[in-house]
Amino acid sequence: QVQVVESGGGLVQAGGSLRLSCAVSGRFFSMNAMGWYRQAPGKQRELVAGITKDGTTNYADSVKGRFTISRDNAKNTAYLQMNSLKPEDTGVYYCNARVRVLSFITAESEYWGQGTQVTVSS
């Protein structure tokens, strides 16, 4: 079984910073892409940032230049550094991990964390 656990959310004033962590544990062969998504009240979940196994990143236009995604493959952990936070960044942030569970199965399995709340006050 694979577990995904996010941490680091909280309440911050506009202009402040937060750093989210996503730790993946359990039994699996390899971890491929990881991503951070967020869901604001009354809105659909959206991709915030993604990172491939070799470190290639992509960002939503709304966070480019403010957020940075990174990962530590040795620790099976991803991070999201969020700077210059805005009230519209408020939401529940979810980590997504795509893993190969077994070496002889090339198909990926997708796992989600339970989410961490980020609230940015104006």
N, C-alpha and C. Protein backbone atom coordinates (compact mmCIF):
# COMPACT_ATOMS: atom_id res chain seq x y z
N GLN A 1 0.85 -1.19 0.00
CA GLN A 1 0.00 0.00 0.00
C GLN A 1 0.88 1.24 0.00
N VAL A 2 0.46 2.25 -0.74
CA VAL A 2 1.20 3.50 -0.85
C VAL A 2 0.45 4.59 -0.10
N GLN A 3 1.17 5.35 0.70
CA GLN A 3 0.56 6.46 1.45
C GLN A 3 1.19 7.78 1.00
N VAL A 4 0.36 8.78 0.89
CA VAL A 4 0.80 10.13 0.54
C VAL A 4 0.33 11.07 1.64
N VAL A 5 1.26 11.79 2.24
CA VAL A 5 0.92 12.65 3.37
C VAL A 5 1.48 14.05 3.12
N GLU A 6 0.58 15.04 3.13
CA GLU A 6 0.98 16.43 2.97
C GLU A 6 1.11 17.08 4.35
N SER A 7 1.94 18.11 4.41
CA SER A 7 2.07 18.90 5.63
C SER A 7 2.54 20.30 5.25
N GLY A 8 2.42 21.22 6.19
CA GLY A 8 2.95 22.56 5.99
C GLY A 8 1.93 23.64 5.72
N GLY A 9 0.66 23.28 5.64
CA GLY A 9 -0.35 24.30 5.41
C GLY A 9 -0.56 25.17 6.64
N GLY A 10 -1.37 26.20 6.47
CA GLY A 10 -1.65 27.07 7.60
C GLY A 10 -2.27 28.38 7.16
N LEU A 11 -2.30 29.31 8.10
CA LEU A 11 -2.86 30.64 7.87
C LEU A 11 -1.71 31.64 7.74
N VAL A 12 -1.74 32.44 6.69
CA VAL A 12 -0.67 33.40 6.46
C VAL A 12 -1.28 34.67 5.86
N GLN A 13 -0.65 35.79 6.12
CA GLN A 13 -1.11 37.04 5.55
C GLN A 13 -0.66 37.16 4.09
N ALA A 14 -1.38 37.95 3.34
CA ALA A 14 -1.01 38.20 1.94
C ALA A 14 0.42 38.74 1.89
N GLY A 15 1.18 38.22 0.93
CA GLY A 15 2.58 38.57 0.80
C GLY A 15 3.52 37.64 1.52
N GLY A 16 2.97 36.78 2.35
CA GLY A 16 3.78 35.85 3.12
C GLY A 16 4.15 34.60 2.34
N SER A 17 4.80 33.67 3.04
CA SER A 17 5.28 32.44 2.41
C SER A 17 4.90 31.21 3.23
N LEU A 18 4.78 30.11 2.54
CA LEU A 18 4.59 28.80 3.16
C LEU A 18 5.35 27.77 2.34
N ARG A 19 5.73 26.69 3.00
CA ARG A 19 6.38 25.58 2.30
C ARG A 19 5.62 24.30 2.62
N LEU A 20 5.09 23.68 1.58
CA LEU A 20 4.37 22.43 1.74
C LEU A 20 5.30 21.25 1.45
N SER A 21 5.07 20.17 2.16
CA SER A 21 5.82 18.93 1.93
C SER A 21 4.86 17.80 1.62
N CYS A 22 5.34 16.87 0.81
CA CYS A 22 4.53 15.69 0.44
C CYS A 22 5.44 14.47 0.55
N ALA A 23 5.16 13.61 1.51
CA ALA A 23 5.97 12.41 1.72
C ALA A 23 5.20 11.18 1.24
N VAL A 24 5.86 10.40 0.41
CA VAL A 24 5.26 9.17 -0.12
C VAL A 24 5.97 7.98 0.50
N SER A 25 5.18 7.06 1.05
CA SER A 25 5.77 5.89 1.70
C SER A 25 5.01 4.64 1.28
N GLY A 26 5.57 3.49 1.66
CA GLY A 26 4.95 2.22 1.33
C GLY A 26 5.81 1.42 0.38
N ARG A 27 5.24 0.39 -0.19
CA ARG A 27 5.98 -0.50 -1.06
C ARG A 27 5.65 -0.22 -2.52
N PHE A 28 6.65 0.20 -3.27
CA PHE A 28 6.47 0.41 -4.70
C PHE A 28 7.83 0.34 -5.37
N PHE A 29 7.83 0.13 -6.69
CA PHE A 29 9.06 -0.04 -7.44
C PHE A 29 9.74 1.30 -7.71
N SER A 30 9.00 2.27 -8.22
CA SER A 30 9.58 3.58 -8.51
C SER A 30 8.50 4.63 -8.52
N MET A 31 8.93 5.87 -8.28
CA MET A 31 8.00 6.98 -8.29
C MET A 31 8.29 7.86 -9.50
N ASN A 32 7.28 8.18 -10.26
CA ASN A 32 7.46 8.99 -11.46
C ASN A 32 7.07 10.43 -11.17
N ALA A 33 6.14 10.99 -11.91
CA ALA A 33 5.79 12.39 -11.72
C ALA A 33 5.05 12.62 -10.41
N MET A 34 5.23 13.81 -9.88
CA MET A 34 4.50 14.26 -8.69
C MET A 34 3.90 15.62 -8.99
N GLY A 35 2.83 15.94 -8.30
CA GLY A 35 2.21 17.23 -8.56
C GLY A 35 1.46 17.75 -7.36
N TRP A 36 1.28 19.05 -7.36
CA TRP A 36 0.46 19.73 -6.36
C TRP A 36 -0.78 20.29 -7.05
N TYR A 37 -1.92 20.03 -6.45
CA TYR A 37 -3.20 20.52 -6.93
C TYR A 37 -3.84 21.32 -5.79
N ARG A 38 -4.76 22.17 -6.13
CA ARG A 38 -5.52 22.87 -5.09
C ARG A 38 -6.98 22.96 -5.49
N GLN A 39 -7.79 23.06 -4.45
CA GLN A 39 -9.23 23.19 -4.65
C GLN A 39 -9.74 24.29 -3.75
N ALA A 40 -10.24 25.35 -4.35
CA ALA A 40 -10.83 26.45 -3.60
C ALA A 40 -12.30 26.14 -3.39
N PRO A 41 -12.91 26.75 -2.38
CA PRO A 41 -14.34 26.51 -2.12
C PRO A 41 -15.19 26.80 -3.35
N GLY A 42 -16.02 25.83 -3.72
CA GLY A 42 -16.92 26.00 -4.84
C GLY A 42 -16.28 25.87 -6.20
N LYS A 43 -15.00 25.50 -6.24
CA LYS A 43 -14.30 25.38 -7.52
C LYS A 43 -13.76 23.97 -7.70
N GLN A 44 -13.40 23.66 -8.95
CA GLN A 44 -12.83 22.35 -9.24
C GLN A 44 -11.35 22.32 -8.83
N ARG A 45 -10.88 21.13 -8.61
CA ARG A 45 -9.47 20.95 -8.31
C ARG A 45 -8.64 21.29 -9.55
N GLU A 46 -7.55 22.03 -9.34
CA GLU A 46 -6.72 22.45 -10.46
C GLU A 46 -5.25 22.16 -10.18
N LEU A 47 -4.51 21.93 -11.27
CA LEU A 47 -3.07 21.70 -11.13
C LEU A 47 -2.37 23.01 -10.80
N VAL A 48 -1.53 22.98 -9.79
CA VAL A 48 -0.72 24.13 -9.42
C VAL A 48 0.69 24.00 -9.99
N ALA A 49 1.30 22.84 -9.76
CA ALA A 49 2.66 22.62 -10.24
C ALA A 49 2.92 21.12 -10.34
N GLY A 50 3.76 20.75 -11.30
CA GLY A 50 4.13 19.35 -11.46
C GLY A 50 5.62 19.21 -11.68
N ILE A 51 6.14 18.04 -11.35
CA ILE A 51 7.56 17.78 -11.54
C ILE A 51 7.76 16.33 -11.94
N THR A 52 8.57 16.11 -12.98
CA THR A 52 8.84 14.75 -13.42
C THR A 52 9.96 14.14 -12.59
N LYS A 53 10.21 12.88 -12.86
CA LYS A 53 11.24 12.17 -12.10
C LYS A 53 12.62 12.81 -12.31
N ASP A 54 12.87 13.33 -13.51
CA ASP A 54 14.16 13.94 -13.79
C ASP A 54 14.21 15.42 -13.48
N GLY A 55 13.13 15.97 -12.89
CA GLY A 55 13.16 17.34 -12.42
C GLY A 55 12.55 18.39 -13.34
N THR A 56 11.96 17.98 -14.43
CA THR A 56 11.29 18.94 -15.30
C THR A 56 10.01 19.43 -14.63
N THR A 57 9.82 20.75 -14.62
CA THR A 57 8.69 21.31 -13.89
C THR A 57 7.72 22.03 -14.82
N ASN A 58 6.49 22.17 -14.36
CA ASN A 58 5.50 22.98 -15.05
C ASN A 58 4.61 23.61 -14.00
N TYR A 59 4.07 24.80 -14.32
CA TYR A 59 3.29 25.58 -13.37
C TYR A 59 2.04 26.15 -14.01
N ALA A 60 1.03 26.33 -13.18
CA ALA A 60 -0.14 27.10 -13.61
C ALA A 60 0.30 28.54 -13.81
N ASP A 61 -0.30 29.21 -14.78
CA ASP A 61 0.08 30.60 -15.06
C ASP A 61 -0.08 31.48 -13.83
N SER A 62 -1.07 31.19 -13.00
CA SER A 62 -1.37 32.04 -11.86
C SER A 62 -0.29 32.00 -10.77
N VAL A 63 0.59 31.00 -10.80
CA VAL A 63 1.60 30.88 -9.75
C VAL A 63 3.02 31.02 -10.27
N LYS A 64 3.18 31.14 -11.58
CA LYS A 64 4.53 31.27 -12.15
C LYS A 64 5.26 32.46 -11.54
N GLY A 65 6.51 32.24 -11.16
CA GLY A 65 7.32 33.29 -10.57
C GLY A 65 7.13 33.43 -9.07
N ARG A 66 6.12 32.77 -8.50
CA ARG A 66 5.87 32.86 -7.06
C ARG A 66 6.05 31.52 -6.36
N PHE A 67 5.69 30.44 -7.03
CA PHE A 67 5.78 29.09 -6.44
C PHE A 67 6.91 28.32 -7.09
N THR A 68 7.53 27.44 -6.30
CA THR A 68 8.58 26.57 -6.82
C THR A 68 8.36 25.16 -6.31
N ILE A 69 8.28 24.22 -7.24
CA ILE A 69 8.15 22.81 -6.87
C ILE A 69 9.51 22.15 -6.97
N SER A 70 9.78 21.24 -6.03
CA SER A 70 11.04 20.50 -6.05
C SER A 70 10.78 19.12 -5.47
N ARG A 71 11.78 18.26 -5.58
CA ARG A 71 11.61 16.92 -5.02
C ARG A 71 12.96 16.38 -4.59
N ASP A 72 12.90 15.45 -3.64
CA ASP A 72 14.07 14.73 -3.17
C ASP A 72 13.78 13.26 -3.42
N ASN A 73 14.34 12.72 -4.49
CA ASN A 73 14.02 11.34 -4.86
C ASN A 73 14.49 10.34 -3.81
N ALA A 74 15.56 10.65 -3.11
CA ALA A 74 16.05 9.73 -2.09
C ALA A 74 15.08 9.61 -0.92
N LYS A 75 14.30 10.67 -0.70
CA LYS A 75 13.34 10.68 0.41
C LYS A 75 11.91 10.49 -0.07
N ASN A 76 11.72 10.32 -1.38
CA ASN A 76 10.37 10.20 -1.94
C ASN A 76 9.47 11.33 -1.46
N THR A 77 10.00 12.52 -1.53
CA THR A 77 9.31 13.69 -1.00
C THR A 77 9.32 14.82 -2.04
N ALA A 78 8.20 15.52 -2.13
CA ALA A 78 8.10 16.71 -2.97
C ALA A 78 7.78 17.90 -2.09
N TYR A 79 8.17 19.07 -2.58
CA TYR A 79 7.95 20.30 -1.84
C TYR A 79 7.31 21.34 -2.75
N LEU A 80 6.60 22.27 -2.12
CA LEU A 80 6.07 23.41 -2.85
C LEU A 80 6.37 24.65 -2.02
N GLN A 81 7.31 25.44 -2.49
CA GLN A 81 7.62 26.71 -1.84
C GLN A 81 6.72 27.77 -2.43
N MET A 82 5.93 28.41 -1.58
CA MET A 82 4.95 29.39 -2.03
C MET A 82 5.33 30.75 -1.44
N ASN A 83 5.66 31.68 -2.31
CA ASN A 83 6.02 33.04 -1.91
C ASN A 83 5.00 34.04 -2.45
N SER A 84 5.02 35.22 -1.88
CA SER A 84 4.12 36.30 -2.33
C SER A 84 2.68 35.80 -2.44
N LEU A 85 2.24 35.15 -1.39
CA LEU A 85 0.91 34.54 -1.41
C LEU A 85 -0.18 35.59 -1.50
N LYS A 86 -1.25 35.20 -2.20
CA LYS A 86 -2.40 36.07 -2.41
C LYS A 86 -3.64 35.40 -1.83
N PRO A 87 -4.67 36.18 -1.50
CA PRO A 87 -5.91 35.56 -1.00
C PRO A 87 -6.48 34.53 -1.96
N GLU A 88 -6.30 34.73 -3.24
CA GLU A 88 -6.82 33.75 -4.21
C GLU A 88 -6.05 32.45 -4.24
N ASP A 89 -4.96 32.36 -3.50
CA ASP A 89 -4.24 31.09 -3.36
C ASP A 89 -4.87 30.20 -2.29
N THR A 90 -5.85 30.72 -1.59
CA THR A 90 -6.52 29.95 -0.53
C THR A 90 -7.18 28.70 -1.10
N GLY A 91 -7.04 27.61 -0.37
CA GLY A 91 -7.68 26.37 -0.77
C GLY A 91 -7.05 25.18 -0.08
N VAL A 92 -7.55 24.01 -0.39
CA VAL A 92 -6.95 22.78 0.09
C VAL A 92 -5.95 22.31 -0.97
N TYR A 93 -4.74 22.07 -0.54
CA TYR A 93 -3.68 21.66 -1.46
C TYR A 93 -3.46 20.16 -1.33
N TYR A 94 -3.51 19.50 -2.47
CA TYR A 94 -3.36 18.05 -2.52
C TYR A 94 -2.09 17.66 -3.27
N CYS A 95 -1.45 16.62 -2.79
CA CYS A 95 -0.29 16.06 -3.49
C CYS A 95 -0.73 14.83 -4.26
N ASN A 96 -0.20 14.72 -5.47
CA ASN A 96 -0.48 13.57 -6.33
C ASN A 96 0.84 12.90 -6.69
N ALA A 97 0.87 11.58 -6.56
CA ALA A 97 2.08 10.83 -6.89
C ALA A 97 1.72 9.69 -7.86
N ARG A 98 2.51 9.58 -8.89
CA ARG A 98 2.32 8.49 -9.86
C ARG A 98 3.47 7.51 -9.68
N VAL A 99 3.13 6.27 -9.37
CA VAL A 99 4.16 5.28 -9.06
C VAL A 99 3.97 4.03 -9.90
N ARG A 100 5.08 3.34 -10.07
CA ARG A 100 5.03 1.98 -10.60
C ARG A 100 5.11 1.08 -9.39
N VAL A 101 4.07 0.31 -9.18
CA VAL A 101 4.01 -0.50 -7.97
C VAL A 101 4.96 -1.69 -8.06
N LEU A 102 5.00 -2.32 -9.24
CA LEU A 102 5.84 -3.49 -9.42
C LEU A 102 6.76 -3.31 -10.62
N SER A 103 7.93 -3.92 -10.58
CA SER A 103 8.91 -3.71 -11.64
C SER A 103 8.46 -4.26 -12.99
N PHE A 104 7.65 -5.32 -12.99
CA PHE A 104 7.24 -5.94 -14.25
C PHE A 104 5.92 -5.39 -14.77
N ILE A 105 5.39 -4.36 -14.10
CA ILE A 105 4.18 -3.68 -14.57
C ILE A 105 4.55 -2.25 -14.88
N THR A 106 4.48 -1.88 -16.18
CA THR A 106 4.89 -0.54 -16.58
C THR A 106 3.81 0.51 -16.32
N ALA A 107 2.58 0.09 -16.20
CA ALA A 107 1.49 1.06 -15.98
C ALA A 107 1.66 1.74 -14.62
N GLU A 108 1.30 3.00 -14.57
CA GLU A 108 1.39 3.77 -13.34
C GLU A 108 0.11 3.65 -12.51
N SER A 109 0.28 3.77 -11.22
CA SER A 109 -0.85 3.92 -10.32
C SER A 109 -0.78 5.31 -9.73
N GLU A 110 -1.93 5.89 -9.48
CA GLU A 110 -2.00 7.28 -9.01
C GLU A 110 -2.52 7.31 -7.58
N TYR A 111 -1.85 8.10 -6.74
CA TYR A 111 -2.23 8.20 -5.33
C TYR A 111 -2.34 9.66 -4.93
N TRP A 112 -3.30 9.93 -4.03
CA TRP A 112 -3.54 11.27 -3.54
C TRP A 112 -3.39 11.31 -2.03
N GLY A 113 -2.96 12.48 -1.54
CA GLY A 113 -2.95 12.70 -0.11
C GLY A 113 -4.31 13.22 0.35
N GLN A 114 -4.41 13.46 1.65
CA GLN A 114 -5.68 13.90 2.22
C GLN A 114 -5.86 15.41 2.11
N GLY A 115 -4.81 16.11 1.75
CA GLY A 115 -4.90 17.55 1.57
C GLY A 115 -4.47 18.33 2.81
N THR A 116 -3.98 19.54 2.56
CA THR A 116 -3.61 20.45 3.64
C THR A 116 -4.17 21.83 3.32
N GLN A 117 -4.76 22.46 4.32
CA GLN A 117 -5.45 23.74 4.10
C GLN A 117 -4.44 24.89 4.10
N VAL A 118 -4.56 25.74 3.09
CA VAL A 118 -3.79 26.98 3.02
C VAL A 118 -4.80 28.12 2.98
N THR A 119 -4.66 29.04 3.92
CA THR A 119 -5.55 30.20 3.98
C THR A 119 -4.70 31.46 3.97
N VAL A 120 -4.97 32.33 3.00
CA VAL A 120 -4.23 33.58 2.88
C VAL A 120 -5.20 34.72 3.17
N SER A 121 -4.91 35.47 4.21
CA SER A 121 -5.78 36.58 4.60
C SER A 121 -5.30 37.88 3.95
N SER A 122 -6.25 38.74 3.65
CA SER A 122 -5.91 40.01 2.99
C SER A 122 -5.59 41.10 3.99
